N, C-alpha and C. Protein backbone atom coordinates (compact mmCIF):
# COMPACT_ATOMS: atom_id res chain seq x y z
N MET A 1 72.19 31.17 -4.02
CA MET A 1 71.85 32.42 -4.88
C MET A 1 72.70 33.59 -4.23
N GLN A 2 73.67 34.13 -5.01
CA GLN A 2 74.50 35.18 -4.38
C GLN A 2 74.08 36.36 -5.01
N THR A 3 73.17 36.50 -6.00
CA THR A 3 72.74 37.71 -6.51
C THR A 3 71.41 37.62 -7.21
N LEU A 4 70.73 38.64 -6.92
CA LEU A 4 69.30 38.66 -7.67
C LEU A 4 69.30 39.53 -8.87
N ALA A 5 70.51 39.88 -9.42
CA ALA A 5 70.65 40.73 -10.52
C ALA A 5 70.00 40.10 -11.70
N PRO A 6 70.15 38.77 -12.10
CA PRO A 6 69.50 38.19 -13.39
C PRO A 6 67.92 38.46 -13.31
N LEU A 7 67.45 38.04 -12.08
CA LEU A 7 65.96 38.15 -11.99
C LEU A 7 65.65 39.66 -12.11
N VAL A 8 66.30 40.58 -11.38
CA VAL A 8 65.90 42.07 -11.49
C VAL A 8 66.01 42.44 -12.84
N GLY A 9 67.01 42.11 -13.65
CA GLY A 9 67.06 42.53 -15.02
C GLY A 9 65.82 42.06 -15.78
N LYS A 10 65.05 41.01 -15.65
CA LYS A 10 64.11 40.57 -16.14
C LYS A 10 62.73 41.38 -15.85
N ILE A 11 62.54 41.36 -14.54
CA ILE A 11 61.32 42.05 -14.08
C ILE A 11 61.19 43.48 -14.33
N ILE A 12 62.31 44.21 -14.30
CA ILE A 12 62.11 45.67 -14.41
C ILE A 12 61.80 46.12 -15.84
N GLN A 13 61.79 45.22 -16.78
CA GLN A 13 61.53 45.49 -18.26
C GLN A 13 59.97 45.64 -18.23
N SER A 14 59.07 45.18 -17.26
CA SER A 14 57.75 45.43 -17.21
C SER A 14 57.24 46.49 -16.42
N VAL A 15 58.23 47.21 -15.81
CA VAL A 15 57.89 48.32 -14.77
C VAL A 15 57.93 49.62 -15.39
N VAL A 16 56.96 50.44 -15.31
CA VAL A 16 56.98 51.77 -15.83
C VAL A 16 56.80 52.88 -14.77
N GLY A 17 57.25 53.98 -15.13
CA GLY A 17 57.13 55.26 -14.22
C GLY A 17 55.79 56.00 -14.85
N ILE A 18 55.02 56.58 -13.97
CA ILE A 18 53.78 57.25 -14.20
C ILE A 18 53.77 58.72 -13.70
N LYS A 19 53.46 59.57 -14.50
CA LYS A 19 53.30 61.02 -14.13
C LYS A 19 51.74 61.50 -14.44
N ALA A 20 51.14 61.89 -13.36
CA ALA A 20 49.73 62.26 -13.47
C ALA A 20 49.61 63.76 -13.16
N THR A 21 49.12 64.51 -14.12
CA THR A 21 49.07 65.96 -13.87
C THR A 21 47.61 66.26 -13.57
N THR A 22 47.33 66.91 -12.48
CA THR A 22 46.04 67.43 -12.18
C THR A 22 45.97 68.96 -12.29
N GLU A 23 44.82 69.40 -12.53
CA GLU A 23 44.61 70.87 -12.75
C GLU A 23 43.47 71.40 -11.89
N THR A 24 43.89 72.43 -11.17
CA THR A 24 42.95 73.05 -10.25
C THR A 24 42.74 74.61 -10.45
N ALA A 25 41.52 75.03 -10.47
CA ALA A 25 41.19 76.49 -10.84
C ALA A 25 41.81 77.29 -9.69
N ALA A 26 42.58 78.27 -9.99
CA ALA A 26 43.18 79.14 -9.02
C ALA A 26 42.15 80.11 -8.36
N VAL A 27 42.27 80.35 -7.11
CA VAL A 27 41.30 81.13 -6.31
C VAL A 27 41.69 82.60 -6.48
N SER A 28 40.90 83.42 -6.79
CA SER A 28 41.11 84.89 -6.97
C SER A 28 40.56 85.65 -5.89
N ARG A 29 41.25 86.55 -5.29
CA ARG A 29 40.63 87.36 -4.26
C ARG A 29 39.93 88.66 -4.84
N SER A 30 40.00 88.80 -6.13
CA SER A 30 39.36 89.96 -6.77
C SER A 30 38.17 89.62 -7.35
N ILE A 31 37.05 90.43 -7.21
CA ILE A 31 35.69 90.02 -7.73
C ILE A 31 35.78 90.28 -9.34
N ASP A 32 36.77 90.88 -9.81
CA ASP A 32 37.04 91.05 -11.32
C ASP A 32 37.91 90.15 -11.97
N MET A 33 38.46 89.26 -11.09
CA MET A 33 39.51 88.26 -11.57
C MET A 33 39.04 86.98 -11.02
N ARG A 34 37.79 86.54 -11.39
CA ARG A 34 37.26 85.13 -11.00
C ARG A 34 37.86 84.16 -11.80
N PRO A 35 38.15 82.89 -11.21
CA PRO A 35 38.42 81.75 -12.04
C PRO A 35 37.66 81.48 -13.25
N GLY A 36 38.32 81.22 -14.32
CA GLY A 36 37.43 80.84 -15.47
C GLY A 36 37.16 82.04 -16.42
N LEU A 37 37.29 83.23 -15.83
CA LEU A 37 37.13 84.44 -16.71
C LEU A 37 38.40 84.65 -17.60
N PRO A 38 38.24 85.48 -18.72
CA PRO A 38 39.40 85.62 -19.48
C PRO A 38 40.55 86.31 -18.84
N ASN A 39 40.25 87.26 -17.80
CA ASN A 39 41.21 87.92 -16.99
C ASN A 39 41.48 87.28 -15.83
N GLY A 40 41.00 85.99 -15.50
CA GLY A 40 41.20 85.52 -14.27
C GLY A 40 42.55 84.90 -14.22
N PRO A 41 42.92 84.31 -13.01
CA PRO A 41 44.17 83.80 -12.81
C PRO A 41 44.20 82.32 -13.56
N PRO A 42 45.39 81.86 -14.14
CA PRO A 42 45.36 80.58 -14.82
C PRO A 42 45.17 79.44 -13.65
N PRO A 43 44.78 78.29 -14.11
CA PRO A 43 44.69 77.11 -13.21
C PRO A 43 46.10 76.57 -12.75
N THR A 44 46.13 76.17 -11.53
CA THR A 44 47.23 75.58 -11.08
C THR A 44 47.40 74.11 -11.38
N THR A 45 48.63 73.60 -11.60
CA THR A 45 48.90 72.21 -11.86
C THR A 45 49.70 71.52 -10.87
N LYS A 46 49.47 70.23 -10.79
CA LYS A 46 50.28 69.52 -9.76
C LYS A 46 50.61 68.15 -10.34
N ASP A 47 52.07 67.73 -10.25
CA ASP A 47 52.33 66.48 -10.89
C ASP A 47 52.57 65.42 -9.69
N VAL A 48 51.90 64.22 -9.92
CA VAL A 48 51.95 63.17 -9.08
C VAL A 48 52.68 62.01 -9.64
N TYR A 49 53.78 61.57 -8.98
CA TYR A 49 54.59 60.46 -9.62
C TYR A 49 54.20 59.12 -8.91
N GLY A 50 54.36 58.19 -9.73
CA GLY A 50 54.05 56.74 -9.23
C GLY A 50 54.72 55.74 -10.20
N ALA A 51 54.23 54.50 -10.11
CA ALA A 51 54.78 53.43 -10.97
C ALA A 51 53.60 52.53 -11.31
N GLY A 52 53.89 51.69 -12.44
CA GLY A 52 52.91 50.76 -12.81
C GLY A 52 53.56 49.53 -13.40
N VAL A 53 52.68 48.59 -13.73
CA VAL A 53 53.42 47.39 -14.35
C VAL A 53 52.46 46.95 -15.62
N ILE A 54 53.17 46.73 -16.65
CA ILE A 54 52.69 46.21 -17.90
C ILE A 54 52.09 44.81 -17.63
N ILE A 55 50.85 44.66 -18.06
CA ILE A 55 50.16 43.25 -17.76
C ILE A 55 49.71 42.64 -19.12
N LYS A 56 49.59 43.49 -20.21
CA LYS A 56 49.31 42.91 -21.45
C LYS A 56 50.15 43.79 -22.49
N ALA A 57 51.13 43.13 -23.07
CA ALA A 57 52.10 43.78 -23.99
C ALA A 57 51.37 44.18 -25.32
N GLU A 58 50.58 43.28 -25.80
CA GLU A 58 49.99 43.55 -27.05
C GLU A 58 48.98 44.60 -27.26
N SER A 59 48.29 44.83 -26.03
CA SER A 59 47.19 45.83 -25.99
C SER A 59 47.71 46.93 -25.17
N GLY A 60 48.93 47.11 -24.60
CA GLY A 60 49.46 48.12 -23.87
C GLY A 60 48.80 48.48 -22.58
N LEU A 61 48.30 47.37 -21.83
CA LEU A 61 47.53 47.71 -20.71
C LEU A 61 48.51 47.73 -19.47
N ILE A 62 48.28 48.74 -18.55
CA ILE A 62 49.24 48.89 -17.44
C ILE A 62 48.31 48.99 -16.29
N VAL A 63 48.62 48.33 -15.19
CA VAL A 63 48.01 48.42 -13.80
C VAL A 63 48.86 49.26 -12.81
N THR A 64 48.04 50.14 -12.11
CA THR A 64 48.80 51.05 -11.08
C THR A 64 47.72 51.32 -10.06
N SER A 65 48.14 52.22 -9.09
CA SER A 65 47.05 52.43 -8.06
C SER A 65 46.23 53.71 -8.44
N ASN A 66 44.92 53.50 -8.00
CA ASN A 66 43.93 54.42 -8.49
C ASN A 66 44.31 55.87 -7.99
N HIS A 67 44.70 55.87 -6.64
CA HIS A 67 44.97 57.28 -5.99
C HIS A 67 46.05 58.01 -6.75
N VAL A 68 46.94 57.31 -7.55
CA VAL A 68 48.00 57.97 -8.35
C VAL A 68 47.44 58.66 -9.48
N VAL A 69 46.48 58.27 -10.12
CA VAL A 69 45.91 58.60 -11.32
C VAL A 69 44.47 59.30 -11.38
N SER A 70 43.87 59.16 -10.24
CA SER A 70 42.48 59.58 -10.02
C SER A 70 42.47 61.23 -10.25
N GLY A 71 41.60 61.55 -11.15
CA GLY A 71 41.34 63.01 -11.34
C GLY A 71 42.44 63.67 -12.22
N ALA A 72 43.32 63.00 -12.86
CA ALA A 72 44.38 63.47 -13.64
C ALA A 72 43.84 64.11 -14.97
N LYS A 73 44.36 65.28 -15.26
CA LYS A 73 44.11 65.80 -16.52
C LYS A 73 44.80 65.26 -17.65
N THR A 74 46.00 65.00 -17.36
CA THR A 74 46.91 64.14 -18.48
C THR A 74 47.66 63.10 -17.64
N LEU A 75 47.98 62.07 -18.35
CA LEU A 75 48.82 60.99 -17.94
C LEU A 75 49.88 60.61 -18.96
N SER A 76 51.11 60.45 -18.37
CA SER A 76 52.26 60.01 -19.21
C SER A 76 53.00 58.86 -18.55
N VAL A 77 53.58 58.08 -19.33
CA VAL A 77 54.19 56.84 -18.98
C VAL A 77 55.77 56.85 -19.47
N ARG A 78 56.62 56.49 -18.50
CA ARG A 78 58.06 56.45 -18.93
C ARG A 78 58.35 54.88 -18.94
N LEU A 79 58.76 54.41 -20.08
CA LEU A 79 59.06 53.09 -20.28
C LEU A 79 60.56 52.74 -19.89
N PRO A 80 60.90 51.54 -19.56
CA PRO A 80 62.17 51.18 -19.11
C PRO A 80 63.25 51.59 -20.16
N ASP A 81 62.93 51.62 -21.35
CA ASP A 81 64.05 52.03 -22.51
C ASP A 81 64.10 53.52 -22.55
N GLY A 82 63.36 54.37 -21.75
CA GLY A 82 63.47 55.77 -21.84
C GLY A 82 62.33 56.52 -22.57
N ARG A 83 61.48 55.69 -23.37
CA ARG A 83 60.36 56.29 -24.14
C ARG A 83 59.40 56.86 -23.18
N GLN A 84 58.96 58.12 -23.55
CA GLN A 84 57.80 58.85 -22.81
C GLN A 84 56.62 58.93 -23.63
N LEU A 85 55.54 58.35 -23.13
CA LEU A 85 54.26 58.20 -24.03
C LEU A 85 53.06 58.66 -23.25
N ASP A 86 52.12 59.19 -23.93
CA ASP A 86 50.83 59.52 -23.29
C ASP A 86 50.01 58.33 -23.09
N ALA A 87 49.29 58.33 -21.90
CA ALA A 87 48.49 57.25 -21.46
C ALA A 87 47.02 57.48 -21.38
N ARG A 88 46.11 56.68 -21.57
CA ARG A 88 44.74 56.89 -21.40
C ARG A 88 44.16 55.99 -20.27
N PHE A 89 43.35 56.61 -19.43
CA PHE A 89 42.71 56.01 -18.41
C PHE A 89 41.63 55.00 -19.04
N VAL A 90 41.55 53.72 -18.55
CA VAL A 90 40.57 52.79 -18.98
C VAL A 90 39.52 52.46 -17.99
N VAL A 91 39.92 52.05 -16.75
CA VAL A 91 38.90 51.63 -15.76
C VAL A 91 39.55 51.72 -14.37
N ALA A 92 38.76 51.73 -13.33
CA ALA A 92 39.30 51.70 -11.93
C ALA A 92 38.41 50.85 -11.00
N ASP A 93 39.03 50.26 -10.05
CA ASP A 93 38.32 49.67 -8.98
C ASP A 93 38.80 50.38 -7.58
N GLU A 94 37.83 51.29 -7.19
CA GLU A 94 38.09 52.00 -6.10
C GLU A 94 38.30 51.41 -4.79
N ARG A 95 37.59 50.30 -4.66
CA ARG A 95 37.63 49.47 -3.44
C ARG A 95 39.04 48.95 -3.26
N TYR A 96 39.60 48.42 -4.39
CA TYR A 96 40.95 47.85 -4.23
C TYR A 96 42.01 48.82 -4.56
N ASP A 97 41.63 50.18 -4.76
CA ASP A 97 42.69 51.32 -5.25
C ASP A 97 43.41 50.89 -6.40
N LEU A 98 42.83 50.25 -7.31
CA LEU A 98 43.54 49.92 -8.64
C LEU A 98 42.89 50.69 -9.84
N ALA A 99 43.87 50.84 -10.81
CA ALA A 99 43.33 51.47 -12.14
C ALA A 99 44.17 50.84 -13.23
N MET A 100 43.52 50.86 -14.40
CA MET A 100 44.09 50.44 -15.57
C MET A 100 44.27 51.51 -16.64
N LEU A 101 45.55 51.59 -17.17
CA LEU A 101 45.77 52.50 -18.20
C LEU A 101 46.09 51.81 -19.47
N ARG A 102 46.12 52.60 -20.59
CA ARG A 102 46.38 51.98 -21.80
C ARG A 102 47.51 52.98 -22.57
N ILE A 103 48.53 52.35 -23.08
CA ILE A 103 49.40 53.02 -24.11
C ILE A 103 49.46 52.34 -25.41
N SER A 104 49.93 53.13 -26.36
CA SER A 104 50.19 52.58 -27.78
C SER A 104 51.65 52.49 -28.13
N ALA A 105 52.26 51.33 -27.98
CA ALA A 105 53.70 51.29 -28.16
C ALA A 105 53.96 49.69 -28.55
N SER A 106 55.09 49.54 -29.27
CA SER A 106 55.51 48.27 -29.60
C SER A 106 56.81 47.81 -28.75
N GLY A 107 57.02 46.61 -28.86
CA GLY A 107 58.31 46.12 -27.94
C GLY A 107 58.15 46.30 -26.45
N LEU A 108 56.89 46.09 -25.94
CA LEU A 108 56.67 46.07 -24.48
C LEU A 108 56.81 44.56 -23.90
N THR A 109 57.09 44.57 -22.73
CA THR A 109 57.30 43.28 -21.97
C THR A 109 56.34 43.29 -20.84
N ALA A 110 55.40 42.24 -20.85
CA ALA A 110 54.45 42.17 -19.71
C ALA A 110 54.96 41.30 -18.65
N ALA A 111 54.49 41.57 -17.47
CA ALA A 111 54.89 40.74 -16.30
C ALA A 111 53.84 39.65 -16.25
N ARG A 112 54.33 38.54 -15.52
CA ARG A 112 53.53 37.49 -15.19
C ARG A 112 52.75 37.66 -13.82
N ILE A 113 51.64 37.53 -13.89
CA ILE A 113 50.83 37.75 -12.65
C ILE A 113 50.57 36.33 -11.96
N GLY A 114 51.20 36.49 -10.66
CA GLY A 114 51.07 35.27 -9.80
C GLY A 114 49.78 35.24 -8.85
N ARG A 115 49.76 34.20 -8.14
CA ARG A 115 48.51 34.01 -7.22
C ARG A 115 48.98 34.45 -5.82
N SER A 116 48.49 35.65 -5.47
CA SER A 116 48.66 36.26 -4.20
C SER A 116 48.22 35.40 -3.15
N ILE A 117 47.06 34.51 -3.36
CA ILE A 117 46.58 33.71 -2.44
C ILE A 117 47.54 32.74 -1.84
N ASP A 118 48.60 32.50 -2.61
CA ASP A 118 49.66 31.45 -2.37
C ASP A 118 50.72 32.09 -1.46
N ALA A 119 50.75 33.46 -1.35
CA ALA A 119 51.76 34.04 -0.54
C ALA A 119 51.75 33.76 0.89
N GLU A 120 52.80 33.70 1.57
CA GLU A 120 52.86 33.30 3.04
C GLU A 120 53.91 34.34 3.71
N PRO A 121 53.68 34.65 5.00
CA PRO A 121 54.73 35.40 5.67
C PRO A 121 56.03 34.58 5.75
N GLY A 122 57.02 35.45 5.49
CA GLY A 122 58.41 34.84 5.36
C GLY A 122 58.78 34.69 3.80
N ASP A 123 57.87 34.76 2.87
CA ASP A 123 58.30 34.73 1.51
C ASP A 123 59.13 35.83 1.13
N PHE A 124 60.22 35.78 0.31
CA PHE A 124 61.00 36.84 -0.06
C PHE A 124 60.28 37.53 -1.28
N VAL A 125 60.39 38.83 -1.29
CA VAL A 125 59.76 39.73 -2.31
C VAL A 125 60.67 40.68 -2.80
N LEU A 126 60.32 41.22 -3.98
CA LEU A 126 61.06 42.40 -4.63
C LEU A 126 60.08 43.47 -4.95
N ALA A 127 60.28 44.71 -4.52
CA ALA A 127 59.40 45.77 -5.03
C ALA A 127 60.15 46.68 -5.93
N VAL A 128 59.61 47.08 -6.96
CA VAL A 128 60.26 47.93 -7.92
C VAL A 128 59.29 49.12 -8.10
N GLY A 129 59.90 50.34 -8.01
CA GLY A 129 59.16 51.52 -8.19
C GLY A 129 60.11 52.65 -8.76
N GLY A 130 59.76 53.83 -8.39
CA GLY A 130 60.60 55.05 -8.81
C GLY A 130 60.69 55.94 -7.59
N SER A 131 61.43 57.03 -7.94
CA SER A 131 61.70 58.13 -6.87
C SER A 131 61.32 59.42 -7.61
N SER A 132 59.98 59.76 -7.33
CA SER A 132 59.54 61.11 -7.98
C SER A 132 60.01 61.36 -9.27
N GLY A 133 59.75 60.31 -10.18
CA GLY A 133 60.06 60.43 -11.56
C GLY A 133 61.35 60.12 -12.00
N LEU A 134 62.23 59.68 -11.03
CA LEU A 134 63.69 59.35 -11.49
C LEU A 134 63.66 57.90 -11.93
N THR A 135 64.83 57.34 -12.01
CA THR A 135 65.10 56.03 -12.45
C THR A 135 64.58 55.16 -11.58
N GLN A 136 64.48 53.79 -12.02
CA GLN A 136 63.78 52.85 -11.10
C GLN A 136 64.67 52.38 -10.01
N SER A 137 64.06 51.90 -8.85
CA SER A 137 64.72 51.51 -7.67
C SER A 137 64.04 50.12 -7.25
N ILE A 138 65.00 49.26 -6.72
CA ILE A 138 64.58 47.89 -6.39
C ILE A 138 64.89 47.75 -4.87
N SER A 139 63.88 47.16 -4.25
CA SER A 139 63.97 46.88 -2.84
C SER A 139 63.63 45.40 -2.57
N PHE A 140 64.38 44.83 -1.58
CA PHE A 140 64.21 43.45 -1.26
C PHE A 140 63.61 43.28 0.18
N GLY A 141 62.95 42.39 0.45
CA GLY A 141 62.29 42.18 1.71
C GLY A 141 61.53 40.83 1.85
N ILE A 142 60.69 40.70 2.81
CA ILE A 142 59.84 39.57 2.98
C ILE A 142 58.41 39.97 3.16
N VAL A 143 57.47 38.92 2.93
CA VAL A 143 56.03 39.24 3.36
C VAL A 143 56.10 39.30 4.79
N SER A 144 55.75 40.30 5.36
CA SER A 144 55.56 40.30 6.90
C SER A 144 54.34 39.85 7.51
N ALA A 145 53.26 40.15 6.75
CA ALA A 145 52.02 39.75 7.18
C ALA A 145 50.93 39.73 6.08
N LEU A 146 49.72 39.09 6.24
CA LEU A 146 48.71 39.10 5.36
C LEU A 146 47.38 39.67 5.98
N HIS A 147 46.47 40.05 5.14
CA HIS A 147 45.09 40.39 5.60
C HIS A 147 45.27 41.65 6.44
N ARG A 148 46.16 42.57 6.05
CA ARG A 148 46.26 43.80 6.74
C ARG A 148 45.30 45.03 6.17
N SER A 149 45.09 46.17 6.84
CA SER A 149 44.31 47.20 6.34
C SER A 149 45.25 48.40 6.63
N TRP A 150 44.91 49.41 5.90
CA TRP A 150 45.65 50.82 5.97
C TRP A 150 44.51 51.98 5.70
N PRO A 151 44.68 53.03 6.54
CA PRO A 151 43.66 54.00 6.37
C PRO A 151 43.68 54.69 4.88
N GLY A 152 42.54 54.92 4.33
CA GLY A 152 42.35 55.47 3.01
C GLY A 152 42.27 54.25 1.90
N ILE A 153 42.39 53.12 2.28
CA ILE A 153 42.31 51.99 1.33
C ILE A 153 41.29 51.10 1.89
N PRO A 154 40.11 50.98 1.14
CA PRO A 154 38.98 50.19 1.47
C PRO A 154 39.34 48.79 1.63
N CYS A 155 40.17 48.23 0.88
CA CYS A 155 40.57 46.87 0.77
C CYS A 155 41.16 46.42 2.29
N GLN A 156 40.58 45.40 2.85
CA GLN A 156 41.04 44.96 4.10
C GLN A 156 41.87 43.69 4.00
N ASP A 157 42.55 43.37 2.78
CA ASP A 157 43.21 42.14 2.60
C ASP A 157 44.61 42.42 2.10
N LEU A 158 45.22 43.54 2.60
CA LEU A 158 46.48 43.91 2.00
C LEU A 158 47.67 43.00 2.48
N ILE A 159 48.68 43.03 1.64
CA ILE A 159 49.94 42.36 1.97
C ILE A 159 50.91 43.21 2.57
N GLN A 160 51.40 43.01 3.77
CA GLN A 160 52.36 43.81 4.37
C GLN A 160 53.81 43.30 4.14
N THR A 161 54.82 44.26 3.85
CA THR A 161 56.14 43.77 3.50
C THR A 161 57.06 44.80 4.18
N ASP A 162 58.27 44.33 4.34
CA ASP A 162 59.29 45.26 5.07
C ASP A 162 60.23 45.85 3.97
N ALA A 163 59.89 45.57 2.72
CA ALA A 163 60.67 46.12 1.54
C ALA A 163 60.59 47.64 1.60
N LEU A 164 61.92 48.42 1.75
CA LEU A 164 61.96 49.79 1.76
C LEU A 164 61.50 50.42 0.42
N LEU A 165 60.81 51.37 0.41
CA LEU A 165 60.20 51.82 -0.88
C LEU A 165 60.47 53.43 -0.84
N ASP A 166 61.04 53.87 -2.10
CA ASP A 166 61.20 55.39 -2.35
C ASP A 166 59.81 55.90 -2.70
N ARG A 167 59.72 57.29 -2.52
CA ARG A 167 58.60 58.02 -2.80
C ARG A 167 58.42 57.97 -4.31
N GLY A 168 57.14 57.80 -4.75
CA GLY A 168 56.83 57.51 -6.19
C GLY A 168 56.85 56.13 -6.54
N SER A 169 56.70 55.26 -5.50
CA SER A 169 56.69 53.79 -5.79
C SER A 169 55.20 53.30 -5.79
N ALA A 170 54.37 54.05 -5.26
CA ALA A 170 52.95 53.67 -5.34
C ALA A 170 52.55 53.25 -6.74
N GLY A 171 51.81 52.10 -6.74
CA GLY A 171 51.40 51.55 -8.12
C GLY A 171 52.35 50.54 -8.63
N GLY A 172 53.51 50.54 -8.11
CA GLY A 172 54.65 49.67 -8.60
C GLY A 172 54.12 48.11 -8.26
N PRO A 173 54.86 47.10 -8.80
CA PRO A 173 54.50 45.77 -8.51
C PRO A 173 55.45 45.29 -7.43
N LEU A 174 54.93 44.21 -6.63
CA LEU A 174 55.52 43.44 -5.80
C LEU A 174 55.72 41.99 -6.24
N PHE A 175 57.00 41.70 -6.50
CA PHE A 175 57.20 40.27 -7.16
C PHE A 175 57.77 39.34 -6.07
N ASN A 176 57.41 38.08 -6.45
CA ASN A 176 58.00 36.97 -5.66
C ASN A 176 59.36 36.56 -6.40
N LEU A 177 60.02 35.51 -5.85
CA LEU A 177 61.37 35.23 -6.46
C LEU A 177 61.15 34.32 -7.76
N ARG A 178 59.89 34.14 -8.03
CA ARG A 178 59.64 33.47 -9.37
C ARG A 178 59.49 34.60 -10.52
N GLY A 179 59.56 35.78 -10.10
CA GLY A 179 59.34 36.86 -11.07
C GLY A 179 57.85 37.09 -11.35
N GLU A 180 57.00 36.77 -10.47
CA GLU A 180 55.54 36.97 -10.70
C GLU A 180 55.19 38.11 -9.74
N VAL A 181 54.04 38.80 -10.27
CA VAL A 181 53.57 39.96 -9.59
C VAL A 181 52.62 39.26 -8.55
N ILE A 182 52.73 39.59 -7.33
CA ILE A 182 51.70 39.19 -6.26
C ILE A 182 50.98 40.31 -5.53
N GLY A 183 51.39 41.53 -5.98
CA GLY A 183 50.79 42.67 -5.42
C GLY A 183 51.02 44.00 -6.05
N ILE A 184 50.21 44.95 -5.80
CA ILE A 184 50.42 46.31 -6.40
C ILE A 184 50.69 47.35 -5.10
N VAL A 185 51.73 47.93 -5.01
CA VAL A 185 52.06 48.64 -3.84
C VAL A 185 51.05 49.76 -3.72
N ALA A 186 50.55 49.92 -2.58
CA ALA A 186 49.55 50.93 -2.33
C ALA A 186 49.87 52.03 -1.35
N ALA A 187 50.57 51.61 -0.35
CA ALA A 187 50.97 52.73 0.55
C ALA A 187 52.30 52.29 1.37
N SER A 188 53.08 53.26 1.87
CA SER A 188 54.20 53.07 2.77
C SER A 188 53.94 53.88 4.02
N THR A 189 54.33 53.43 5.18
CA THR A 189 54.26 54.17 6.40
C THR A 189 55.22 55.40 6.43
N GLY A 190 56.40 55.24 5.83
CA GLY A 190 57.44 56.28 5.77
C GLY A 190 58.08 56.47 7.04
N GLU A 191 57.86 55.59 8.02
CA GLU A 191 58.56 55.67 9.31
C GLU A 191 59.95 55.03 9.32
N THR A 192 60.93 55.88 9.60
CA THR A 192 62.26 55.42 9.38
C THR A 192 62.62 54.30 10.29
N GLU A 193 62.11 54.18 11.61
CA GLU A 193 62.44 53.22 12.57
C GLU A 193 61.68 51.98 12.43
N SER A 194 60.54 52.12 11.60
CA SER A 194 59.62 50.90 11.64
C SER A 194 58.91 51.01 10.10
N GLU A 195 59.60 50.96 9.18
CA GLU A 195 59.15 51.08 7.79
C GLU A 195 58.28 49.85 7.36
N ARG A 196 57.00 50.19 6.92
CA ARG A 196 56.21 49.10 6.47
C ARG A 196 55.54 49.61 5.17
N ALA A 197 55.42 48.71 4.18
CA ALA A 197 54.64 48.93 3.08
C ALA A 197 53.47 47.90 2.83
N PHE A 198 52.44 48.40 2.04
CA PHE A 198 51.28 47.52 1.94
C PHE A 198 50.99 47.40 0.48
N ALA A 199 50.63 46.34 0.07
CA ALA A 199 50.24 45.98 -1.37
C ALA A 199 48.99 45.38 -1.50
N VAL A 200 48.22 45.84 -2.52
CA VAL A 200 46.94 45.22 -2.88
C VAL A 200 47.17 43.81 -3.56
N PRO A 201 46.60 42.69 -3.15
CA PRO A 201 46.91 41.43 -3.77
C PRO A 201 46.55 41.33 -5.04
N SER A 202 47.48 40.74 -5.95
CA SER A 202 47.30 40.58 -7.31
C SER A 202 46.04 39.89 -7.89
N ASP A 203 45.54 39.16 -7.03
CA ASP A 203 44.21 38.47 -7.41
C ASP A 203 43.25 39.43 -7.79
N ALA A 204 43.28 40.56 -7.22
CA ALA A 204 42.19 41.64 -7.49
C ALA A 204 42.29 42.31 -8.93
N ILE A 205 43.44 42.00 -9.48
CA ILE A 205 43.69 42.55 -10.90
C ILE A 205 42.54 41.99 -11.78
N ASP A 206 42.07 40.85 -11.46
CA ASP A 206 41.01 40.31 -12.36
C ASP A 206 39.74 41.12 -12.38
N ARG A 207 39.55 41.78 -11.24
CA ARG A 207 38.37 42.64 -11.11
C ARG A 207 38.35 43.80 -12.15
N LEU A 208 39.49 44.30 -12.57
CA LEU A 208 39.64 45.27 -13.50
C LEU A 208 39.29 44.91 -14.88
N PHE A 209 39.66 43.54 -15.18
CA PHE A 209 39.24 43.00 -16.50
C PHE A 209 37.66 42.87 -16.54
N ILE A 210 37.17 42.47 -15.36
CA ILE A 210 35.67 42.22 -15.33
C ILE A 210 34.96 43.75 -15.56
N ARG A 211 35.46 44.63 -14.88
CA ARG A 211 34.94 45.98 -15.06
C ARG A 211 35.25 46.53 -16.63
N MET A 212 36.29 46.24 -17.11
CA MET A 212 36.47 46.71 -18.45
C MET A 212 35.62 46.04 -19.42
N ASN A 213 35.38 44.80 -19.24
CA ASN A 213 34.54 43.96 -20.22
C ASN A 213 33.05 44.40 -20.04
N LEU A 214 32.73 44.71 -18.75
CA LEU A 214 31.35 45.22 -18.53
C LEU A 214 31.14 46.60 -19.15
N ALA A 215 32.09 47.53 -19.07
CA ALA A 215 32.05 48.78 -19.82
C ALA A 215 32.03 48.67 -21.24
N PHE A 216 32.79 47.81 -21.78
CA PHE A 216 32.83 47.56 -23.27
C PHE A 216 31.37 46.96 -23.65
N SER A 217 30.75 46.17 -22.93
CA SER A 217 29.41 45.60 -23.29
C SER A 217 28.53 46.59 -23.32
N ALA A 218 28.45 47.52 -22.30
CA ALA A 218 27.58 48.63 -22.13
C ALA A 218 27.68 49.55 -23.44
N ILE A 219 28.76 49.80 -23.84
CA ILE A 219 29.06 50.72 -25.00
C ILE A 219 28.33 49.99 -26.30
N VAL A 220 28.61 48.75 -26.50
CA VAL A 220 28.20 47.89 -27.44
C VAL A 220 26.67 47.86 -27.45
N ASP A 221 26.04 47.90 -26.21
CA ASP A 221 24.59 47.73 -26.09
C ASP A 221 23.95 49.07 -26.58
N ARG A 222 24.60 50.18 -26.23
CA ARG A 222 24.12 51.46 -26.56
C ARG A 222 24.23 51.67 -28.03
N PHE A 223 25.35 51.28 -28.66
CA PHE A 223 25.47 51.34 -30.01
C PHE A 223 24.47 50.57 -30.79
N GLU A 224 24.24 49.48 -30.40
CA GLU A 224 23.15 48.58 -31.05
C GLU A 224 21.85 49.17 -30.88
N ALA A 225 21.49 49.79 -29.79
CA ALA A 225 20.26 50.24 -29.53
C ALA A 225 19.86 51.54 -30.35
N VAL A 226 20.84 52.23 -30.92
CA VAL A 226 20.62 53.30 -31.75
C VAL A 226 20.08 53.06 -33.03
């Protein structure tokens, strides 16, 4: 295999860029200019950039990192074809730092979800993400280790890879050479001399569907009880 271009051309069709905008009330030093009052200072906004992967094309479901979208006032998604769409938060699993979003669009391409339990140290992988809202970037590496942990992520079963990642790649997919998602990038050390990245195993994505179905059942139960 002299080039990975054909594989990259396929898998990037399922990867999206995500912008999460948070809003914080500005702090005023004047007693007459308190936050929330008509004459008070306007709230400040902050944009957080990340990536995500489409897992259900027909229903527009996207998986990303929960820390990218948590607390966001608005969410927008940039598709591979350049379309910019509003997204809705669906459900999250804080233990595994995963979240599910939904968009309404046609012509989507979903990724294939692989079995992260089959991943082994030495397997070649591709990480696809973005750089602070810019175009997609692709990195190549190997699975360095399994069952790792990282501060701030409760999951103790992370996949470690030496694939170099740009800022804004959190939430993006980690693919094996069969074009299957085996992880969702959660964190990168950012150390130039010893770059390491960690991904939540793809097997945890099933937990999002369980949570989504439970939430839907609860809504139905409340509706029927009325």
